[in-house]
PDB file of N, CA and C in Angstrom:
ATOM      1  N   MET A   1      21.477   3.501 -47.003  1.00  0.00           N
ATOM      2  CA  MET A   1      20.971   3.395 -46.003  1.00  0.00           C
ATOM      3  C   MET A   1      21.661   3.245 -44.778  1.00  0.00           C
ATOM      4  N   GLU A   2      21.204   3.280 -43.616  1.00  0.00           N
ATOM      5  CA  GLU A   2      21.984   3.260 -42.165  1.00  0.00           C
ATOM      6  C   GLU A   2      21.699   1.658 -41.897  1.00  0.00           C
ATOM      7  N   LEU A   3      22.549   1.388 -41.085  1.00  0.00           N
ATOM      8  CA  LEU A   3      22.645   0.018 -40.580  1.00  0.00           C
ATOM      9  C   LEU A   3      21.273  -0.215 -39.708  1.00  0.00           C
ATOM     10  N   ASN A   4      20.999   0.491 -38.988  1.00  0.00           N
ATOM     11  CA  ASN A   4      19.774   0.351 -37.997  1.00  0.00           C
ATOM     12  C   ASN A   4      18.510   0.103 -38.892  1.00  0.00           C
ATOM     13  N   ASN A   5      18.283   0.907 -40.271  1.00  0.00           N
ATOM     14  CA  ASN A   5      17.213   0.671 -40.963  1.00  0.00           C
ATOM     15  C   ASN A   5      17.259  -0.763 -41.434  1.00  0.00           C
ATOM     16  N   LEU A   6      18.451  -1.051 -41.951  1.00  0.00           N
ATOM     17  CA  LEU A   6      18.578  -2.282 -42.518  1.00  0.00           C
ATOM     18  C   LEU A   6      18.418  -3.444 -41.639  1.00  0.00           C
ATOM     19  N   VAL A   7      18.903  -3.703 -40.472  1.00  0.00           N
ATOM     20  CA  VAL A   7      18.409  -4.486 -39.465  1.00  0.00           C
ATOM     21  C   VAL A   7      17.138  -4.510 -39.133  1.00  0.00           C
ATOM     22  N   PHE A   8      16.408  -3.039 -39.228  1.00  0.00           N
ATOM     23  CA  PHE A   8      14.769  -3.244 -38.848  1.00  0.00           C
ATOM     24  C   PHE A   8      14.248  -3.677 -39.818  1.00  0.00           C
ATOM     25  N   VAL A   9      14.457  -3.716 -41.260  1.00  0.00           N
ATOM     26  CA  VAL A   9      13.656  -4.165 -42.321  1.00  0.00           C
ATOM     27  C   VAL A   9      13.818  -5.790 -42.097  1.00  0.00           C
ATOM     28  N   TYR A  10      15.175  -6.188 -42.097  1.00  0.00           N
ATOM     29  CA  TYR A  10      15.326  -7.790 -42.026  1.00  0.00           C
ATOM     30  C   TYR A  10      14.376  -8.201 -41.111  1.00  0.00           C
ATOM     31  N   VAL A  11      14.764  -7.697 -39.766  1.00  0.00           N
ATOM     32  CA  VAL A  11      13.906  -8.425 -38.812  1.00  0.00           C
ATOM     33  C   VAL A  11      12.333  -8.152 -38.873  1.00  0.00           C
ATOM     34  N   PHE A  12      11.997  -7.172 -39.588  1.00  0.00           N
ATOM     35  CA  PHE A  12      10.570  -7.148 -39.823  1.00  0.00           C
ATOM     36  C   PHE A  12      10.109  -8.058 -40.849  1.00  0.00           C
ATOM     37  N   LEU A  13      10.566  -8.136 -42.011  1.00  0.00           N
ATOM     38  CA  LEU A  13      10.381  -8.953 -42.922  1.00  0.00           C
ATOM     39  C   LEU A  13      10.275 -10.563 -42.587  1.00  0.00           C
ATOM     40  N   PHE A  14      11.336 -10.823 -41.544  1.00  0.00           N
ATOM     41  CA  PHE A  14      11.551 -12.327 -41.162  1.00  0.00           C
ATOM     42  C   PHE A  14      10.388 -12.665 -40.111  1.00  0.00           C
ATOM     43  N   LEU A  15      10.018 -11.708 -39.485  1.00  0.00           N
ATOM     44  CA  LEU A  15       8.737 -11.844 -38.378  1.00  0.00           C
ATOM     45  C   LEU A  15       7.373 -11.773 -39.230  1.00  0.00           C
ATOM     46  N   ALA A  16       7.430 -11.257 -40.396  1.00  0.00           N
ATOM     47  CA  ALA A  16       5.934 -11.320 -41.450  1.00  0.00           C
ATOM     48  C   ALA A  16       6.234 -12.512 -41.873  1.00  0.00           C
ATOM     49  N   GLY A  17       7.163 -13.080 -42.262  1.00  0.00           N
ATOM     50  CA  GLY A  17       7.244 -14.408 -43.078  1.00  0.00           C
ATOM     51  C   GLY A  17       6.874 -15.523 -42.103  1.00  0.00           C
ATOM     52  N   VAL A  18       7.186 -15.583 -40.745  1.00  0.00           N
ATOM     53  CA  VAL A  18       6.913 -16.605 -39.670  1.00  0.00           C
ATOM     54  C   VAL A  18       5.648 -16.655 -39.488  1.00  0.00           C
ATOM     55  N   SER A  19       5.000 -15.191 -39.199  1.00  0.00           N
ATOM     56  CA  SER A  19       3.573 -14.977 -39.186  1.00  0.00           C
ATOM     57  C   SER A  19       2.543 -15.622 -40.197  1.00  0.00           C
ATOM     58  N   ALA A  20       3.067 -15.330 -41.464  1.00  0.00           N
ATOM     59  CA  ALA A  20       2.278 -16.024 -42.439  1.00  0.00           C
ATOM     60  C   ALA A  20       2.087 -17.252 -42.473  1.00  0.00           C
ATOM     61  N   VAL A  21       3.327 -17.885 -42.374  1.00  0.00           N
ATOM     62  CA  VAL A  21       3.542 -19.306 -42.210  1.00  0.00           C
ATOM     63  C   VAL A  21       2.719 -20.175 -40.912  1.00  0.00           C
ATOM     64  N   ALA A  22       2.645 -19.239 -39.999  1.00  0.00           N
ATOM     65  CA  ALA A  22       1.960 -19.688 -38.788  1.00  0.00           C
ATOM     66  C   ALA A  22       0.387 -19.727 -39.059  1.00  0.00           C
ATOM     67  N   LEU A  23      -0.139 -18.335 -39.775  1.00  0.00           N
ATOM     68  CA  LEU A  23      -1.568 -18.297 -40.266  1.00  0.00           C
ATOM     69  C   LEU A  23      -2.070 -19.416 -41.338  1.00  0.00           C
ATOM     70  N   TYR A  24      -1.132 -19.519 -42.220  1.00  0.00           N
ATOM     71  CA  TYR A  24      -1.286 -20.733 -43.109  1.00  0.00           C
ATOM     72  C   TYR A  24      -1.465 -21.918 -42.849  1.00  0.00           C
ATOM     73  N   SER A  25      -0.667 -22.430 -41.685  1.00  0.00           N
ATOM     74  CA  SER A  25      -0.714 -23.450 -40.958  1.00  0.00           C
ATOM     75  C   SER A  25      -1.743 -24.035 -40.125  1.00  0.00           C
ATOM     76  N   GLU A  26      -2.112 -22.575 -39.492  1.00  0.00           N
ATOM     77  CA  GLU A  26      -3.677 -22.820 -38.662  1.00  0.00           C
ATOM     78  C   GLU A  26      -4.649 -23.138 -39.530  1.00  0.00           C
ATOM     79  N   LEU A  27      -4.833 -22.237 -40.613  1.00  0.00           N
ATOM     80  CA  LEU A  27      -5.835 -22.478 -41.695  1.00  0.00           C
ATOM     81  C   LEU A  27      -6.235 -23.460 -42.228  1.00  0.00           C
ATOM     82  N   ARG A  28      -5.021 -24.581 -42.473  1.00  0.00           N
ATOM     83  CA  ARG A  28      -4.934 -25.827 -42.844  1.00  0.00           C
ATOM     84  C   ARG A  28      -5.192 -26.682 -42.062  1.00  0.00           C
ATOM     85  N   ARG A  29      -4.957 -26.584 -40.606  1.00  0.00           N
ATOM     86  CA  ARG A  29      -5.343 -27.395 -39.730  1.00  0.00           C
ATOM     87  C   ARG A  29      -7.001 -27.154 -39.510  1.00  0.00           C
ATOM     88  N   ARG A  30      -7.624 -26.175 -39.280  1.00  0.00           N
ATOM     89  CA  ARG A  30      -9.095 -26.056 -39.178  1.00  0.00           C
ATOM     90  C   ARG A  30      -9.632 -26.731 -40.292  1.00  0.00           C
ATOM     91  N   LYS A  31      -8.956 -26.427 -41.305  1.00  0.00           N
ATOM     92  CA  LYS A  31      -9.792 -27.105 -42.798  1.00  0.00           C
ATOM     93  C   LYS A  31      -9.841 -28.502 -42.560  1.00  0.00           C
ATOM     94  N   PHE A  32      -9.007 -29.198 -42.077  1.00  0.00           N
ATOM     95  CA  PHE A  32      -8.994 -30.754 -42.233  1.00  0.00           C
ATOM     96  C   PHE A  32      -9.440 -31.186 -40.902  1.00  0.00           C
ATOM     97  N   ARG A  33      -9.716 -30.512 -39.834  1.00  0.00           N
ATOM     98  CA  ARG A  33      -9.981 -31.027 -38.671  1.00  0.00           C
ATOM     99  C   ARG A  33     -11.639 -31.347 -38.679  1.00  0.00           C
ATOM    100  N   GLN A  34     -11.929 -32.584 -37.868  1.00  0.00           N
ATOM    101  CA  GLN A  34     -13.250 -32.959 -37.905  1.00  0.00           C
ATOM    102  C   GLN A  34     -13.960 -31.939 -37.104  1.00  0.00           C
ATOM    103  N   PRO A  35     -15.223 -31.794 -37.545  1.00  0.00           N
ATOM    104  CA  PRO A  35     -16.036 -30.401 -36.809  1.00  0.00           C
ATOM    105  C   PRO A  35     -16.289 -31.123 -35.428  1.00  0.00           C
ATOM    106  N   ALA A  36     -16.241 -30.534 -34.259  1.00  0.00           N
ATOM    107  CA  ALA A  36     -16.474 -30.788 -33.027  1.00  0.00           C
ATOM    108  C   ALA A  36     -18.088 -31.019 -32.912  1.00  0.00           C
ATOM    109  N   GLY A  37     -18.359 -31.840 -32.277  1.00  0.00           N
ATOM    110  CA  GLY A  37     -19.691 -32.098 -31.656  1.00  0.00           C
ATOM    111  C   GLY A  37     -20.424 -33.156 -32.729  1.00  0.00           C
ATOM    112  N   GLU A  38     -19.809 -33.603 -33.613  1.00  0.00           N
ATOM    113  CA  GLU A  38     -20.381 -34.569 -34.414  1.00  0.00           C
ATOM    114  C   GLU A  38     -20.769 -35.910 -33.729  1.00  0.00           C
ATOM    115  N   ASP A  39     -19.893 -36.486 -33.135  1.00  0.00           N
ATOM    116  CA  ASP A  39     -19.847 -37.811 -32.267  1.00  0.00           C
ATOM    117  C   ASP A  39     -19.095 -37.718 -30.933  1.00  0.00           C
ATOM    118  N   ARG A  40     -20.050 -38.542 -30.256  1.00  0.00           N
ATOM    119  CA  ARG A  40     -19.557 -38.631 -28.745  1.00  0.00           C
ATOM    120  C   ARG A  40     -18.879 -40.062 -28.606  1.00  0.00           C
ATOM    121  N   VAL A  41     -17.932 -40.111 -27.703  1.00  0.00           N
ATOM    122  CA  VAL A  41     -17.175 -41.445 -27.491  1.00  0.00           C
ATOM    123  C   VAL A  41     -17.513 -41.771 -26.187  1.00  0.00           C
ATOM    124  N   PHE A  42     -17.514 -43.108 -26.265  1.00  0.00           N
ATOM    125  CA  PHE A  42     -18.084 -43.997 -25.257  1.00  0.00           C
ATOM    126  C   PHE A  42     -17.151 -45.278 -24.917  1.00  0.00           C
ATOM    127  N   LYS A  43     -16.984 -45.638 -23.763  1.00  0.00           N
ATOM    128  CA  LYS A  43     -16.297 -46.518 -23.281  1.00  0.00           C
ATOM    129  C   LYS A  43     -16.936 -47.631 -22.534  1.00  0.00           C
ATOM    130  N   CYS A  44     -17.058 -48.949 -22.804  1.00  0.00           N
ATOM    131  CA  CYS A  44     -17.790 -49.713 -22.272  1.00  0.00           C
ATOM    132  C   CYS A  44     -17.519 -50.063 -20.712  1.00  0.00           C
ATOM    133  N   GLU A  45     -18.188 -50.059 -19.739  1.00  0.00           N
ATOM    134  CA  GLU A  45     -17.518 -50.403 -18.544  1.00  0.00           C
ATOM    135  C   GLU A  45     -17.560 -51.684 -18.257  1.00  0.00           C
ATOM    136  N   LYS A  46     -18.085 -52.565 -18.856  1.00  0.00           N
ATOM    137  CA  LYS A  46     -18.211 -54.086 -18.827  1.00  0.00           C
ATOM    138  C   LYS A  46     -16.968 -54.949 -19.716  1.00  0.00           C
ATOM    139  N   CYS A  47     -16.747 -54.408 -20.898  1.00  0.00           N
ATOM    140  CA  CYS A  47     -15.936 -55.047 -21.809  1.00  0.00           C
ATOM    141  C   CYS A  47     -14.615 -54.279 -22.102  1.00  0.00           C
ATOM    142  N   ALA A  48     -14.870 -52.953 -22.137  1.00  0.00           N
ATOM    143  CA  ALA A  48     -13.761 -51.756 -22.214  1.00  0.00           C
ATOM    144  C   ALA A  48     -13.645 -51.581 -23.676  1.00  0.00           C
ATOM    145  N   PHE A  49     -14.728 -51.815 -24.491  1.00  0.00           N
ATOM    146  CA  PHE A  49     -14.795 -51.399 -25.956  1.00  0.00           C
ATOM    147  C   PHE A  49     -15.047 -50.198 -26.354  1.00  0.00           C
ATOM    148  N   VAL A  50     -14.361 -49.367 -26.966  1.00  0.00           N
ATOM    149  CA  VAL A  50     -14.300 -47.744 -27.195  1.00  0.00           C
ATOM    150  C   VAL A  50     -15.328 -47.825 -28.528  1.00  0.00           C
ATOM    151  N   TYR A  51     -16.206 -46.989 -28.433  1.00  0.00           N
ATOM    152  CA  TYR A  51     -16.826 -46.603 -29.788  1.00  0.00           C
ATOM    153  C   TYR A  51     -17.618 -45.481 -29.678  1.00  0.00           C
ATOM    154  N   THR A  52     -18.182 -45.018 -30.749  1.00  0.00           N
ATOM    155  CA  THR A  52     -19.062 -43.762 -31.030  1.00  0.00           C
ATOM    156  C   THR A  52     -20.189 -43.701 -31.325  1.00  0.00           C
ATOM    157  N   ASP A  53     -21.013 -42.804 -30.780  1.00  0.00           N
ATOM    158  CA  ASP A  53     -22.438 -42.745 -31.104  1.00  0.00           C
ATOM    159  C   ASP A  53     -22.880 -41.187 -31.549  1.00  0.00           C
ATOM    160  N   ASP A  54     -24.020 -40.648 -31.786  1.00  0.00           N
ATOM    161  CA  ASP A  54     -24.566 -39.553 -32.569  1.00  0.00           C
ATOM    162  C   ASP A  54     -24.174 -38.490 -31.149  1.00  0.00           C
ATOM    163  N   HIS A  55     -24.132 -37.225 -31.470  1.00  0.00           N
ATOM    164  CA  HIS A  55     -23.781 -36.185 -30.465  1.00  0.00           C
ATOM    165  C   HIS A  55     -24.870 -35.919 -29.536  1.00  0.00           C
ATOM    166  N   ASP A  56     -26.190 -36.284 -29.769  1.00  0.00           N
ATOM    167  CA  ASP A  56     -27.139 -36.107 -29.044  1.00  0.00           C
ATOM    168  C   ASP A  56     -27.790 -37.086 -28.225  1.00  0.00           C
ATOM    169  N   VAL A  57     -27.099 -38.487 -28.182  1.00  0.00           N
ATOM    170  CA  VAL A  57     -27.183 -39.442 -27.409  1.00  0.00           C
ATOM    171  C   VAL A  57     -26.377 -39.400 -25.940  1.00  0.00           C
ATOM    172  N   ASP A  58     -27.153 -39.121 -24.749  1.00  0.00           N
ATOM    173  CA  ASP A  58     -26.494 -39.263 -23.465  1.00  0.00           C
ATOM    174  C   ASP A  58     -25.836 -40.598 -23.140  1.00  0.00           C
ATOM    175  N   ARG A  59     -26.585 -41.595 -23.283  1.00  0.00           N
ATOM    176  CA  ARG A  59     -26.227 -42.784 -22.928  1.00  0.00           C
ATOM    177  C   ARG A  59     -26.325 -43.975 -23.979  1.00  0.00           C
ATOM    178  N   SER A  60     -25.407 -44.855 -24.491  1.00  0.00           N
ATOM    179  CA  SER A  60     -25.446 -45.523 -25.420  1.00  0.00           C
ATOM    180  C   SER A  60     -24.933 -46.994 -24.952  1.00  0.00           C
ATOM    181  N   ARG A  61     -25.746 -47.909 -26.108  1.00  0.00           N
ATOM    182  CA  ARG A  61     -25.732 -49.229 -25.848  1.00  0.00           C
ATOM    183  C   ARG A  61     -24.498 -49.980 -26.435  1.00  0.00           C
ATOM    184  N   CYS A  62     -23.312 -50.662 -25.828  1.00  0.00           N
ATOM    185  CA  CYS A  62     -22.369 -51.295 -26.222  1.00  0.00           C
ATOM    186  C   CYS A  62     -22.769 -52.406 -27.488  1.00  0.00           C
ATOM    187  N   SER A  63     -22.155 -52.234 -28.629  1.00  0.00           N
ATOM    188  CA  SER A  63     -22.740 -53.180 -29.776  1.00  0.00           C
ATOM    189  C   SER A  63     -21.689 -54.398 -29.519  1.00  0.00           C
ATOM    190  N   GLN A  64     -20.809 -54.496 -28.558  1.00  0.00           N
ATOM    191  CA  GLN A  64     -20.207 -55.760 -28.373  1.00  0.00           C
ATOM    192  C   GLN A  64     -20.922 -56.614 -27.270  1.00  0.00           C
ATOM    193  N   CYS A  65     -21.504 -56.152 -26.074  1.00  0.00           N
ATOM    194  CA  CYS A  65     -22.125 -56.816 -24.833  1.00  0.00           C
ATOM    195  C   CYS A  65     -23.457 -56.139 -24.788  1.00  0.00           C
ATOM    196  N   GLY A  66     -23.906 -55.029 -25.064  1.00  0.00           N
ATOM    197  CA  GLY A  66     -25.184 -54.494 -24.812  1.00  0.00           C
ATOM    198  C   GLY A  66     -25.173 -53.793 -23.497  1.00  0.00           C
ATOM    199  N   THR A  67     -24.226 -53.388 -22.906  1.00  0.00           N
ATOM    200  CA  THR A  67     -24.273 -52.860 -21.861  1.00  0.00           C
ATOM    201  C   THR A  67     -24.692 -51.037 -22.091  1.00  0.00           C
ATOM    202  N   LEU A  68     -25.308 -50.510 -21.321  1.00  0.00           N
ATOM    203  CA  LEU A  68     -25.632 -49.119 -21.213  1.00  0.00           C
ATOM    204  C   LEU A  68     -24.349 -48.244 -20.644  1.00  0.00           C
ATOM    205  N   ASN A  69     -23.725 -47.305 -21.466  1.00  0.00           N
ATOM    206  CA  ASN A  69     -22.528 -46.314 -21.234  1.00  0.00           C
ATOM    207  C   ASN A  69     -23.017 -44.969 -21.097  1.00  0.00           C
ATOM    208  N   ASP A  70     -22.124 -44.165 -20.428  1.00  0.00           N
ATOM    209  CA  ASP A  70     -22.147 -42.917 -20.535  1.00  0.00           C
ATOM    210  C   ASP A  70     -21.136 -42.430 -21.242  1.00  0.00           C
ATOM    211  N   ALA A  71     -20.822 -41.217 -21.878  1.00  0.00           N
ATOM    212  CA  ALA A  71     -20.167 -40.888 -23.072  1.00  0.00           C
ATOM    213  C   ALA A  71     -18.783 -40.619 -21.981  1.00  0.00           C
ATOM    214  N   ILE A  72     -17.819 -40.236 -22.424  1.00  0.00           N
ATOM    215  CA  ILE A  72     -16.538 -40.035 -21.951  1.00  0.00           C
ATOM    216  C   ILE A  72     -16.617 -38.481 -22.100  1.00  0.00           C
ATOM    217  N   ASN A  73     -16.129 -37.816 -21.020  1.00  0.00           N
ATOM    218  CA  ASN A  73     -15.839 -36.376 -20.963  1.00  0.00           C
ATOM    219  C   ASN A  73     -14.251 -36.035 -20.964  1.00  0.00           C
ATOM    220  N   PHE A  74     -13.628 -35.674 -21.904  1.00  0.00           N
ATOM    221  CA  PHE A  74     -12.249 -35.353 -22.369  1.00  0.00           C
ATOM    222  C   PHE A  74     -11.840 -33.781 -21.574  1.00  0.00           C
TER     223      PHE A  74
END
C-alpha cells in the first residue's frame, strides 16, 4: 500500500470516529433534556421570586406575595 492511501485511511477513520462520538453525544443530550414548552418561567416584579407555571399561562400570580407577573422571555 502506498503512503498516500495509508494517510487517507487513517484520517478518514479518525474523522469517522469523531463524527460518531459527536452524534452519540448529541443523541444523549436530546434524550435527557426537558422538552421545550412544558413550563414558563416568571420573576416577580415586587419580591424578585423566580417560579414556573404552565406553558399556556400568560400572566401568573406570585406564590410569595400575590403579584401578577408576565413570563420571562429568554
